[in-house]
Amino acid sequence: MNIIDKINAKQINPNVPEFRVGDTVRVDVWVKEGKKERIQAFEGLVVAKKGGSVSETFSVRKKSYGIGVTRVFPVNSPTIDKIVVVKKGVVRRAKLNFLKGMTGSFKI
């Protein structure tokens, strides 16, 4: 094991649950507002995962006041407090980018 692998092993968050594309997750994120810090929840559908090890990221899409919002989170970021899998989904795609163009009340 070389020195880069040792550094990467220290930075990986062990408290990340197993989730896949198509799952509905709630991501609790630390938000700074001036001198105060608070936790803000972002709940939506995982539409993409990419990368691996320390640089792994995932995209979550939700509908907020009728507008689709997509946010990319690094899995091992210190700003993420916790990730909770709300609902498991069954999809047959690696990326769900086709949901961006869909309209209707049940689409995200």
PDB file of N, CA and C in Angstrom:
ATOM      1  N   MET A   1       0.857  -1.182   0.000  1.00  0.00           N
ATOM      2  CA  MET A   1       0.000   0.000   0.000  1.00  0.00           C
ATOM      3  C   MET A   1       0.898   1.237   0.000  1.00  0.00           C
ATOM      4  N   ASN A   2       0.749   2.062  -1.042  1.00  0.00           N
ATOM      5  CA  ASN A   2       1.593   3.250  -1.110  1.00  0.00           C
ATOM      6  C   ASN A   2       1.001   4.387  -0.289  1.00  0.00           C
ATOM      7  N   ILE A   3       1.691   5.505  -0.256  1.00  0.00           N
ATOM      8  CA  ILE A   3       1.302   6.612   0.618  1.00  0.00           C
ATOM      9  C   ILE A   3      -0.002   7.267   0.163  1.00  0.00           C
ATOM     10  N   ILE A   4      -0.276   7.301  -1.133  1.00  0.00           N
ATOM     11  CA  ILE A   4      -1.520   7.910  -1.623  1.00  0.00           C
ATOM     12  C   ILE A   4      -2.723   7.075  -1.195  1.00  0.00           C
ATOM     13  N   ASP A   5      -2.606   5.760  -1.237  1.00  0.00           N
ATOM     14  CA  ASP A   5      -3.695   4.897  -0.782  1.00  0.00           C
ATOM     15  C   ASP A   5      -3.958   5.071   0.708  1.00  0.00           C
ATOM     16  N   LYS A   6      -2.914   5.296   1.487  1.00  0.00           N
ATOM     17  CA  LYS A   6      -3.092   5.514   2.929  1.00  0.00           C
ATOM     18  C   LYS A   6      -3.820   6.826   3.197  1.00  0.00           C
ATOM     19  N   ILE A   7      -3.482   7.851   2.455  1.00  0.00           N
ATOM     20  CA  ILE A   7      -4.152   9.157   2.623  1.00  0.00           C
ATOM     21  C   ILE A   7      -5.614   9.053   2.200  1.00  0.00           C
ATOM     22  N   ASN A   8      -5.880   8.378   1.098  1.00  0.00           N
ATOM     23  CA  ASN A   8      -7.263   8.198   0.637  1.00  0.00           C
ATOM     24  C   ASN A   8      -8.090   7.390   1.626  1.00  0.00           C
ATOM     25  N   ALA A   9      -7.491   6.385   2.244  1.00  0.00           N
ATOM     26  CA  ALA A   9      -8.216   5.550   3.206  1.00  0.00           C
ATOM     27  C   ALA A   9      -8.640   6.351   4.427  1.00  0.00           C
ATOM     28  N   LYS A  10      -7.862   7.345   4.812  1.00  0.00           N
ATOM     29  CA  LYS A  10      -8.217   8.177   5.973  1.00  0.00           C
ATOM     30  C   LYS A  10      -9.386   9.107   5.668  1.00  0.00           C
ATOM     31  N   GLN A  11      -9.541   9.497   4.402  1.00  0.00           N
ATOM     32  CA  GLN A  11     -10.549  10.486   4.045  1.00  0.00           C
ATOM     33  C   GLN A  11     -11.900   9.883   3.683  1.00  0.00           C
ATOM     34  N   ILE A  12     -11.994   8.579   3.554  1.00  0.00           N
ATOM     35  CA  ILE A  12     -13.263   7.943   3.199  1.00  0.00           C
ATOM     36  C   ILE A  12     -14.175   7.883   4.421  1.00  0.00           C
ATOM     37  N   ASN A  13     -15.421   8.288   4.247  1.00  0.00           N
ATOM     38  CA  ASN A  13     -16.415   8.300   5.321  1.00  0.00           C
ATOM     39  C   ASN A  13     -16.999   6.894   5.478  1.00  0.00           C
ATOM     40  N   PRO A  14     -16.847   6.262   6.657  1.00  0.00           N
ATOM     41  CA  PRO A  14     -17.366   4.903   6.833  1.00  0.00           C
ATOM     42  C   PRO A  14     -18.874   4.838   7.102  1.00  0.00           C
ATOM     43  N   ASN A  15     -19.523   5.984   7.354  1.00  0.00           N
ATOM     44  CA  ASN A  15     -20.936   5.999   7.735  1.00  0.00           C
ATOM     45  C   ASN A  15     -21.888   6.200   6.556  1.00  0.00           C
ATOM     46  N   VAL A  16     -21.425   5.999   5.338  1.00  0.00           N
ATOM     47  CA  VAL A  16     -22.273   6.186   4.152  1.00  0.00           C
ATOM     48  C   VAL A  16     -23.039   4.896   3.893  1.00  0.00           C
ATOM     49  N   PRO A  17     -24.374   4.967   3.823  1.00  0.00           N
ATOM     50  CA  PRO A  17     -25.144   3.740   3.553  1.00  0.00           C
ATOM     51  C   PRO A  17     -25.030   3.323   2.093  1.00  0.00           C
ATOM     52  N   GLU A  18     -25.439   2.117   1.814  1.00  0.00           N
ATOM     53  CA  GLU A  18     -25.433   1.593   0.449  1.00  0.00           C
ATOM     54  C   GLU A  18     -26.669   2.126  -0.268  1.00  0.00           C
ATOM     55  N   PHE A  19     -26.472   2.860  -1.355  1.00  0.00           N
ATOM     56  CA  PHE A  19     -27.595   3.346  -2.162  1.00  0.00           C
ATOM     57  C   PHE A  19     -27.201   3.311  -3.621  1.00  0.00           C
ATOM     58  N   ARG A  20     -28.218   3.286  -4.484  1.00  0.00           N
ATOM     59  CA  ARG A  20     -28.005   3.165  -5.916  1.00  0.00           C
ATOM     60  C   ARG A  20     -28.788   4.241  -6.651  1.00  0.00           C
ATOM     61  N   VAL A  21     -28.582   4.313  -7.947  1.00  0.00           N
ATOM     62  CA  VAL A  21     -29.366   5.214  -8.787  1.00  0.00           C
ATOM     63  C   VAL A  21     -30.812   4.724  -8.777  1.00  0.00           C
ATOM     64  N   GLY A  22     -31.743   5.647  -8.611  1.00  0.00           N
ATOM     65  CA  GLY A  22     -33.159   5.298  -8.545  1.00  0.00           C
ATOM     66  C   GLY A  22     -33.702   5.326  -7.132  1.00  0.00           C
ATOM     67  N   ASP A  23     -32.830   5.341  -6.141  1.00  0.00           N
ATOM     68  CA  ASP A  23     -33.276   5.405  -4.751  1.00  0.00           C
ATOM     69  C   ASP A  23     -33.637   6.840  -4.383  1.00  0.00           C
ATOM     70  N   THR A  24     -34.563   6.989  -3.455  1.00  0.00           N
ATOM     71  CA  THR A  24     -34.891   8.293  -2.899  1.00  0.00           C
ATOM     72  C   THR A  24     -34.109   8.447  -1.609  1.00  0.00           C
ATOM     73  N   VAL A  25     -33.321   9.522  -1.513  1.00  0.00           N
ATOM     74  CA  VAL A  25     -32.468   9.733  -0.340  1.00  0.00           C
ATOM     75  C   VAL A  25     -32.728  11.109   0.261  1.00  0.00           C
ATOM     76  N   ARG A  26     -32.417  11.228   1.544  1.00  0.00           N
ATOM     77  CA  ARG A  26     -32.435  12.518   2.224  1.00  0.00           C
ATOM     78  C   ARG A  26     -31.012  12.800   2.676  1.00  0.00           C
ATOM     79  N   VAL A  27     -30.438  13.885   2.174  1.00  0.00           N
ATOM     80  CA  VAL A  27     -29.071  14.268   2.490  1.00  0.00           C
ATOM     81  C   VAL A  27     -29.132  15.449   3.447  1.00  0.00           C
ATOM     82  N   ASP A  28     -28.582  15.287   4.647  1.00  0.00           N
ATOM     83  CA  ASP A  28     -28.510  16.374   5.619  1.00  0.00           C
ATOM     84  C   ASP A  28     -27.170  17.067   5.449  1.00  0.00           C
ATOM     85  N   VAL A  29     -27.216  18.361   5.083  1.00  0.00           N
ATOM     86  CA  VAL A  29     -26.014  19.117   4.742  1.00  0.00           C
ATOM     87  C   VAL A  29     -25.837  20.250   5.737  1.00  0.00           C
ATOM     88  N   TRP A  30     -24.594  20.460   6.190  1.00  0.00           N
ATOM     89  CA  TRP A  30     -24.278  21.600   7.044  1.00  0.00           C
ATOM     90  C   TRP A  30     -24.228  22.853   6.181  1.00  0.00           C
ATOM     91  N   VAL A  31     -24.981  23.904   6.587  1.00  0.00           N
ATOM     92  CA  VAL A  31     -25.039  25.158   5.853  1.00  0.00           C
ATOM     93  C   VAL A  31     -24.582  26.266   6.786  1.00  0.00           C
ATOM     94  N   LYS A  32     -23.661  27.109   6.302  1.00  0.00           N
ATOM     95  CA  LYS A  32     -23.194  28.253   7.089  1.00  0.00           C
ATOM     96  C   LYS A  32     -23.944  29.498   6.656  1.00  0.00           C
ATOM     97  N   GLU A  33     -24.481  30.216   7.629  1.00  0.00           N
ATOM     98  CA  GLU A  33     -25.150  31.487   7.374  1.00  0.00           C
ATOM     99  C   GLU A  33     -24.555  32.499   8.338  1.00  0.00           C
ATOM    100  N   GLY A  34     -23.605  33.259   7.860  1.00  0.00           N
ATOM    101  CA  GLY A  34     -22.898  34.190   8.740  1.00  0.00           C
ATOM    102  C   GLY A  34     -22.036  33.417   9.722  1.00  0.00           C
ATOM    103  N   LYS A  35     -22.297  33.610  11.011  1.00  0.00           N
ATOM    104  CA  LYS A  35     -21.544  32.889  12.042  1.00  0.00           C
ATOM    105  C   LYS A  35     -22.264  31.627  12.504  1.00  0.00           C
ATOM    106  N   LYS A  36     -23.505  31.449  12.068  1.00  0.00           N
ATOM    107  CA  LYS A  36     -24.292  30.301  12.509  1.00  0.00           C
ATOM    108  C   LYS A  36     -24.156  29.142  11.531  1.00  0.00           C
ATOM    109  N   GLU A  37     -24.322  27.940  12.050  1.00  0.00           N
ATOM    110  CA  GLU A  37     -24.373  26.738  11.224  1.00  0.00           C
ATOM    111  C   GLU A  37     -25.647  25.981  11.542  1.00  0.00           C
ATOM    112  N   ARG A  38     -26.237  25.396  10.507  1.00  0.00           N
ATOM    113  CA  ARG A  38     -27.441  24.598  10.702  1.00  0.00           C
ATOM    114  C   ARG A  38     -27.429  23.457   9.696  1.00  0.00           C
ATOM    115  N   ILE A  39     -28.307  22.490   9.927  1.00  0.00           N
ATOM    116  CA  ILE A  39     -28.429  21.357   9.017  1.00  0.00           C
ATOM    117  C   ILE A  39     -29.653  21.564   8.148  1.00  0.00           C
ATOM    118  N   GLN A  40     -29.466  21.416   6.827  1.00  0.00           N
ATOM    119  CA  GLN A  40     -30.566  21.538   5.886  1.00  0.00           C
ATOM    120  C   GLN A  40     -30.719  20.211   5.146  1.00  0.00           C
ATOM    121  N   ALA A  41     -31.945  19.727   5.064  1.00  0.00           N
ATOM    122  CA  ALA A  41     -32.217  18.447   4.395  1.00  0.00           C
ATOM    123  C   ALA A  41     -32.530  18.690   2.920  1.00  0.00           C
ATOM    124  N   PHE A  42     -32.014  17.814   2.076  1.00  0.00           N
ATOM    125  CA  PHE A  42     -32.283  17.846   0.636  1.00  0.00           C
ATOM    126  C   PHE A  42     -32.729  16.448   0.261  1.00  0.00           C
ATOM    127  N   GLU A  43     -34.026  16.283  -0.019  1.00  0.00           N
ATOM    128  CA  GLU A  43     -34.579  14.958  -0.298  1.00  0.00           C
ATOM    129  C   GLU A  43     -35.008  14.870  -1.750  1.00  0.00           C
ATOM    130  N   GLY A  44     -34.535  13.821  -2.420  1.00  0.00           N
ATOM    131  CA  GLY A  44     -34.891  13.647  -3.809  1.00  0.00           C
ATOM    132  C   GLY A  44     -34.414  12.317  -4.353  1.00  0.00           C
ATOM    133  N   LEU A  45     -34.483  12.181  -5.660  1.00  0.00           N
ATOM    134  CA  LEU A  45     -34.151  10.957  -6.366  1.00  0.00           C
ATOM    135  C   LEU A  45     -32.696  10.998  -6.821  1.00  0.00           C
ATOM    136  N   VAL A  46     -31.961   9.919  -6.592  1.00  0.00           N
ATOM    137  CA  VAL A  46     -30.582   9.830  -7.068  1.00  0.00           C
ATOM    138  C   VAL A  46     -30.628   9.545  -8.565  1.00  0.00           C
ATOM    139  N   VAL A  47     -30.133  10.505  -9.367  1.00  0.00           N
ATOM    140  CA  VAL A  47     -30.193  10.352 -10.813  1.00  0.00           C
ATOM    141  C   VAL A  47     -28.854   9.932 -11.414  1.00  0.00           C
ATOM    142  N   ALA A  48     -27.756  10.052 -10.660  1.00  0.00           N
ATOM    143  CA  ALA A  48     -26.445   9.662 -11.198  1.00  0.00           C
ATOM    144  C   ALA A  48     -25.459   9.453 -10.068  1.00  0.00           C
ATOM    145  N   LYS A  49     -24.540   8.528 -10.300  1.00  0.00           N
ATOM    146  CA  LYS A  49     -23.384   8.337  -9.429  1.00  0.00           C
ATOM    147  C   LYS A  49     -22.168   8.267 -10.329  1.00  0.00           C
ATOM    148  N   LYS A  50     -21.067   8.870  -9.892  1.00  0.00           N
ATOM    149  CA  LYS A  50     -19.873   8.788 -10.708  1.00  0.00           C
ATOM    150  C   LYS A  50     -18.634   8.866  -9.839  1.00  0.00           C
ATOM    151  N   GLY A  51     -17.547   8.390 -10.372  1.00  0.00           N
ATOM    152  CA  GLY A  51     -16.288   8.397  -9.643  1.00  0.00           C
ATOM    153  C   GLY A  51     -16.178   7.201  -8.723  1.00  0.00           C
ATOM    154  N   GLY A  52     -15.166   7.224  -7.912  1.00  0.00           N
ATOM    155  CA  GLY A  52     -14.943   6.143  -6.973  1.00  0.00           C
ATOM    156  C   GLY A  52     -13.973   6.585  -5.904  1.00  0.00           C
ATOM    157  N   SER A  53     -13.889   5.816  -4.856  1.00  0.00           N
ATOM    158  CA  SER A  53     -12.979   6.075  -3.748  1.00  0.00           C
ATOM    159  C   SER A  53     -13.280   7.431  -3.122  1.00  0.00           C
ATOM    160  N   VAL A  54     -12.306   8.304  -3.043  1.00  0.00           N
ATOM    161  CA  VAL A  54     -12.475   9.595  -2.376  1.00  0.00           C
ATOM    162  C   VAL A  54     -13.261  10.577  -3.235  1.00  0.00           C
ATOM    163  N   SER A  55     -13.139  10.482  -4.541  1.00  0.00           N
ATOM    164  CA  SER A  55     -13.749  11.469  -5.433  1.00  0.00           C
ATOM    165  C   SER A  55     -15.128  11.059  -5.931  1.00  0.00           C
ATOM    166  N   GLU A  56     -15.810  10.163  -5.241  1.00  0.00           N
ATOM    167  CA  GLU A  56     -17.131   9.712  -5.679  1.00  0.00           C
ATOM    168  C   GLU A  56     -18.170  10.797  -5.422  1.00  0.00           C
ATOM    169  N   THR A  57     -19.038  11.032  -6.410  1.00  0.00           N
ATOM    170  CA  THR A  57     -20.113  12.008  -6.274  1.00  0.00           C
ATOM    171  C   THR A  57     -21.428  11.382  -6.700  1.00  0.00           C
ATOM    172  N   PHE A  58     -22.533  11.985  -6.254  1.00  0.00           N
ATOM    173  CA  PHE A  58     -23.857  11.551  -6.681  1.00  0.00           C
ATOM    174  C   PHE A  58     -24.745  12.769  -6.847  1.00  0.00           C
ATOM    175  N   SER A  59     -25.672  12.694  -7.805  1.00  0.00           N
ATOM    176  CA  SER A  59     -26.588  13.786  -8.104  1.00  0.00           C
ATOM    177  C   SER A  59     -27.973  13.444  -7.594  1.00  0.00           C
ATOM    178  N   VAL A  60     -28.592  14.401  -6.920  1.00  0.00           N
ATOM    179  CA  VAL A  60     -29.940  14.225  -6.378  1.00  0.00           C
ATOM    180  C   VAL A  60     -30.836  15.268  -7.025  1.00  0.00           C
ATOM    181  N   ARG A  61     -32.001  14.821  -7.498  1.00  0.00           N
ATOM    182  CA  ARG A  61     -32.946  15.723  -8.162  1.00  0.00           C
ATOM    183  C   ARG A  61     -34.263  15.733  -7.404  1.00  0.00           C
ATOM    184  N   LYS A  62     -34.784  16.932  -7.173  1.00  0.00           N
ATOM    185  CA  LYS A  62     -36.087  17.072  -6.530  1.00  0.00           C
ATOM    186  C   LYS A  62     -36.848  18.186  -7.207  1.00  0.00           C
ATOM    187  N   LYS A  63     -38.127  18.257  -6.904  1.00  0.00           N
ATOM    188  CA  LYS A  63     -38.964  19.313  -7.433  1.00  0.00           C
ATOM    189  C   LYS A  63     -39.250  20.297  -6.297  1.00  0.00           C
ATOM    190  N   SER A  64     -38.921  21.549  -6.504  1.00  0.00           N
ATOM    191  CA  SER A  64     -39.128  22.574  -5.493  1.00  0.00           C
ATOM    192  C   SER A  64     -39.990  23.686  -6.078  1.00  0.00           C
ATOM    193  N   TYR A  65     -41.210  23.803  -5.593  1.00  0.00           N
ATOM    194  CA  TYR A  65     -42.161  24.802  -6.066  1.00  0.00           C
ATOM    195  C   TYR A  65     -42.365  24.705  -7.576  1.00  0.00           C
ATOM    196  N   GLY A  66     -42.443  23.474  -8.095  1.00  0.00           N
ATOM    197  CA  GLY A  66     -42.713  23.256  -9.496  1.00  0.00           C
ATOM    198  C   GLY A  66     -41.502  23.315 -10.407  1.00  0.00           C
ATOM    199  N   ILE A  67     -40.335  23.572  -9.860  1.00  0.00           N
ATOM    200  CA  ILE A  67     -39.108  23.667 -10.657  1.00  0.00           C
ATOM    201  C   ILE A  67     -38.178  22.535 -10.247  1.00  0.00           C
ATOM    202  N   GLY A  68     -37.615  21.827 -11.214  1.00  0.00           N
ATOM    203  CA  GLY A  68     -36.687  20.749 -10.927  1.00  0.00           C
ATOM    204  C   GLY A  68     -35.330  21.294 -10.509  1.00  0.00           C
ATOM    205  N   VAL A  69     -34.804  20.781  -9.408  1.00  0.00           N
ATOM    206  CA  VAL A  69     -33.513  21.217  -8.879  1.00  0.00           C
ATOM    207  C   VAL A  69     -32.614  20.000  -8.762  1.00  0.00           C
ATOM    208  N   THR A  70     -31.427  20.077  -9.351  1.00  0.00           N
ATOM    209  CA  THR A  70     -30.449  18.999  -9.260  1.00  0.00           C
ATOM    210  C   THR A  70     -29.240  19.509  -8.500  1.00  0.00           C
ATOM    211  N   ARG A  71     -28.770  18.710  -7.556  1.00  0.00           N
ATOM    212  CA  ARG A  71     -27.613  19.098  -6.754  1.00  0.00           C
ATOM    213  C   ARG A  71     -26.636  17.935  -6.701  1.00  0.00           C
ATOM    214  N   VAL A  72     -25.359  18.232  -6.858  1.00  0.00           N
ATOM    215  CA  VAL A  72     -24.308  17.218  -6.853  1.00  0.00           C
ATOM    216  C   VAL A  72     -23.616  17.252  -5.501  1.00  0.00           C
ATOM    217  N   PHE A  73     -23.503  16.083  -4.864  1.00  0.00           N
ATOM    218  CA  PHE A  73     -22.863  15.968  -3.560  1.00  0.00           C
ATOM    219  C   PHE A  73     -21.646  15.055  -3.647  1.00  0.00           C
ATOM    220  N   PRO A  74     -20.518  15.440  -3.061  1.00  0.00           N
ATOM    221  CA  PRO A  74     -19.422  14.491  -2.886  1.00  0.00           C
ATOM    222  C   PRO A  74     -19.769  13.547  -1.737  1.00  0.00           C
ATOM    223  N   VAL A  75     -19.561  12.258  -1.927  1.00  0.00           N
ATOM    224  CA  VAL A  75     -19.949  11.276  -0.921  1.00  0.00           C
ATOM    225  C   VAL A  75     -19.164  11.462   0.370  1.00  0.00           C
ATOM    226  N   ASN A  76     -17.886  11.755   0.271  1.00  0.00           N
ATOM    227  CA  ASN A  76     -17.012  11.829   1.445  1.00  0.00           C
ATOM    228  C   ASN A  76     -16.783  13.247   1.937  1.00  0.00           C
ATOM    229  N   SER A  77     -17.684  14.161   1.630  1.00  0.00           N
ATOM    230  CA  SER A  77     -17.527  15.553   2.028  1.00  0.00           C
ATOM    231  C   SER A  77     -17.791  15.734   3.524  1.00  0.00           C
ATOM    232  N   PRO A  78     -17.016  16.591   4.200  1.00  0.00           N
ATOM    233  CA  PRO A  78     -17.300  16.873   5.617  1.00  0.00           C
ATOM    234  C   PRO A  78     -18.549  17.720   5.820  1.00  0.00           C
ATOM    235  N   THR A  79     -19.075  18.344   4.756  1.00  0.00           N
ATOM    236  CA  THR A  79     -20.299  19.139   4.900  1.00  0.00           C
ATOM    237  C   THR A  79     -21.554  18.279   4.945  1.00  0.00           C
ATOM    238  N   ILE A  80     -21.440  17.004   4.574  1.00  0.00           N
ATOM    239  CA  ILE A  80     -22.590  16.100   4.651  1.00  0.00           C
ATOM    240  C   ILE A  80     -22.636  15.495   6.045  1.00  0.00           C
ATOM    241  N   ASP A  81     -23.751  15.730   6.748  1.00  0.00           N
ATOM    242  CA  ASP A  81     -23.917  15.175   8.087  1.00  0.00           C
ATOM    243  C   ASP A  81     -24.290  13.701   8.008  1.00  0.00           C
ATOM    244  N   LYS A  82     -25.340  13.388   7.231  1.00  0.00           N
ATOM    245  CA  LYS A  82     -25.732  11.992   7.051  1.00  0.00           C
ATOM    246  C   LYS A  82     -26.562  11.844   5.793  1.00  0.00           C
ATOM    247  N   ILE A  83     -26.604  10.611   5.312  1.00  0.00           N
ATOM    248  CA  ILE A  83     -27.406  10.250   4.150  1.00  0.00           C
ATOM    249  C   ILE A  83     -28.358   9.150   4.590  1.00  0.00           C
ATOM    250  N   VAL A  84     -29.654   9.357   4.359  1.00  0.00           N
ATOM    251  CA  VAL A  84     -30.668   8.389   4.747  1.00  0.00           C
ATOM    252  C   VAL A  84     -31.404   7.929   3.494  1.00  0.00           C
ATOM    253  N   VAL A  85     -31.477   6.621   3.293  1.00  0.00           N
ATOM    254  CA  VAL A  85     -32.226   6.073   2.160  1.00  0.00           C
ATOM    255  C   VAL A  85     -33.689   5.991   2.578  1.00  0.00           C
ATOM    256  N   VAL A  86     -34.528   6.804   1.944  1.00  0.00           N
ATOM    257  CA  VAL A  86     -35.946   6.864   2.275  1.00  0.00           C
ATOM    258  C   VAL A  86     -36.707   5.731   1.596  1.00  0.00           C
ATOM    259  N   LYS A  87     -36.391   5.497   0.307  1.00  0.00           N
ATOM    260  CA  LYS A  87     -37.105   4.491  -0.467  1.00  0.00           C
ATOM    261  C   LYS A  87     -36.162   3.896  -1.494  1.00  0.00           C
ATOM    262  N   LYS A  88     -36.208   2.584  -1.636  1.00  0.00           N
ATOM    263  CA  LYS A  88     -35.408   1.906  -2.651  1.00  0.00           C
ATOM    264  C   LYS A  88     -36.141   1.972  -3.985  1.00  0.00           C
ATOM    265  N   GLY A  89     -35.389   2.112  -5.059  1.00  0.00           N
ATOM    266  CA  GLY A  89     -35.969   2.150  -6.384  1.00  0.00           C
ATOM    267  C   GLY A  89     -35.371   1.068  -7.259  1.00  0.00           C
ATOM    268  N   VAL A  90     -36.100   0.665  -8.289  1.00  0.00           N
ATOM    269  CA  VAL A  90     -35.616  -0.331  -9.234  1.00  0.00           C
ATOM    270  C   VAL A  90     -35.575   0.330 -10.603  1.00  0.00           C
ATOM    271  N   VAL A  91     -34.369   0.562 -11.100  1.00  0.00           N
ATOM    272  CA  VAL A  91     -34.199   1.142 -12.427  1.00  0.00           C
ATOM    273  C   VAL A  91     -33.202   0.295 -13.205  1.00  0.00           C
ATOM    274  N   ARG A  92     -33.231   0.439 -14.520  1.00  0.00           N
ATOM    275  CA  ARG A  92     -32.329  -0.331 -15.367  1.00  0.00           C
ATOM    276  C   ARG A  92     -31.396   0.589 -16.146  1.00  0.00           C
ATOM    277  N   ARG A  93     -31.069   1.725 -15.564  1.00  0.00           N
ATOM    278  CA  ARG A  93     -30.173   2.685 -16.187  1.00  0.00           C
ATOM    279  C   ARG A  93     -29.121   3.126 -15.165  1.00  0.00           C
ATOM    280  N   ALA A  94     -27.971   3.562 -15.652  1.00  0.00           N
ATOM    281  CA  ALA A  94     -26.928   4.077 -14.778  1.00  0.00           C
ATOM    282  C   ALA A  94     -27.119   5.567 -14.512  1.00  0.00           C
ATOM    283  N   LYS A  95     -27.706   6.268 -15.472  1.00  0.00           N
ATOM    284  CA  LYS A  95     -27.968   7.700 -15.324  1.00  0.00           C
ATOM    285  C   LYS A  95     -29.423   7.955 -15.717  1.00  0.00           C
ATOM    286  N   LEU A  96     -30.112   8.751 -14.923  1.00  0.00           N
ATOM    287  CA  LEU A  96     -31.528   9.036 -15.182  1.00  0.00           C
ATOM    288  C   LEU A  96     -31.711  10.470 -15.667  1.00  0.00           C
ATOM    289  N   ASN A  97     -30.860  10.905 -16.590  1.00  0.00           N
ATOM    290  CA  ASN A  97     -30.930  12.274 -17.082  1.00  0.00           C
ATOM    291  C   ASN A  97     -32.167  12.534 -17.931  1.00  0.00           C
ATOM    292  N   PHE A  98     -32.834  11.492 -18.397  1.00  0.00           N
ATOM    293  CA  PHE A  98     -34.043  11.695 -19.199  1.00  0.00           C
ATOM    294  C   PHE A  98     -35.177  12.280 -18.374  1.00  0.00           C
ATOM    295  N   LEU A  99     -35.095  12.255 -17.058  1.00  0.00           N
ATOM    296  CA  LEU A  99     -36.142  12.824 -16.210  1.00  0.00           C
ATOM    297  C   LEU A  99     -36.172  14.341 -16.281  1.00  0.00           C
ATOM    298  N   LYS A 100     -35.097  14.970 -16.734  1.00  0.00           N
ATOM    299  CA  LYS A 100     -35.052  16.419 -16.792  1.00  0.00           C
ATOM    300  C   LYS A 100     -36.062  16.988 -17.780  1.00  0.00           C
ATOM    301  N   GLY A 101     -36.290  16.292 -18.892  1.00  0.00           N
ATOM    302  CA  GLY A 101     -37.192  16.808 -19.912  1.00  0.00           C
ATOM    303  C   GLY A 101     -38.632  16.393 -19.723  1.00  0.00           C
ATOM    304  N   MET A 102     -38.896  15.494 -18.791  1.00  0.00           N
ATOM    305  CA  MET A 102     -40.263  14.997 -18.600  1.00  0.00           C
ATOM    306  C   MET A 102     -41.111  16.035 -17.868  1.00  0.00           C
ATOM    307  N   THR A 103     -42.395  16.043 -18.161  1.00  0.00           N
ATOM    308  CA  THR A 103     -43.315  16.930 -17.474  1.00  0.00           C
ATOM    309  C   THR A 103     -44.423  16.092 -16.851  1.00  0.00           C
ATOM    310  N   GLY A 104     -45.100  16.658 -15.901  1.00  0.00           N
ATOM    311  CA  GLY A 104     -46.190  15.968 -15.232  1.00  0.00           C
ATOM    312  C   GLY A 104     -45.982  16.011 -13.733  1.00  0.00           C
ATOM    313  N   SER A 105     -47.021  15.672 -13.009  1.00  0.00           N
ATOM    314  CA  SER A 105     -46.967  15.802 -11.550  1.00  0.00           C
ATOM    315  C   SER A 105     -46.173  14.695 -10.896  1.00  0.00           C
ATOM    316  N   PHE A 106     -46.069  13.516 -11.523  1.00  0.00           N
ATOM    317  CA  PHE A 106     -45.398  12.400 -10.871  1.00  0.00           C
ATOM    318  C   PHE A 106     -43.924  12.306 -11.256  1.00  0.00           C
ATOM    319  N   LYS A 107     -43.459  13.064 -12.223  1.00  0.00           N
ATOM    320  CA  LYS A 107     -42.063  13.033 -12.636  1.00  0.00           C
ATOM    321  C   LYS A 107     -41.257  14.016 -11.806  1.00  0.00           C
ATOM    322  N   ILE A 108     -39.998  13.695 -11.611  1.00  0.00           N
ATOM    323  CA  ILE A 108     -39.143  14.565 -10.810  1.00  0.00           C
ATOM    324  C   ILE A 108     -38.196  15.320 -11.710  1.00  0.00           C
TER     325      ILE A 108
END
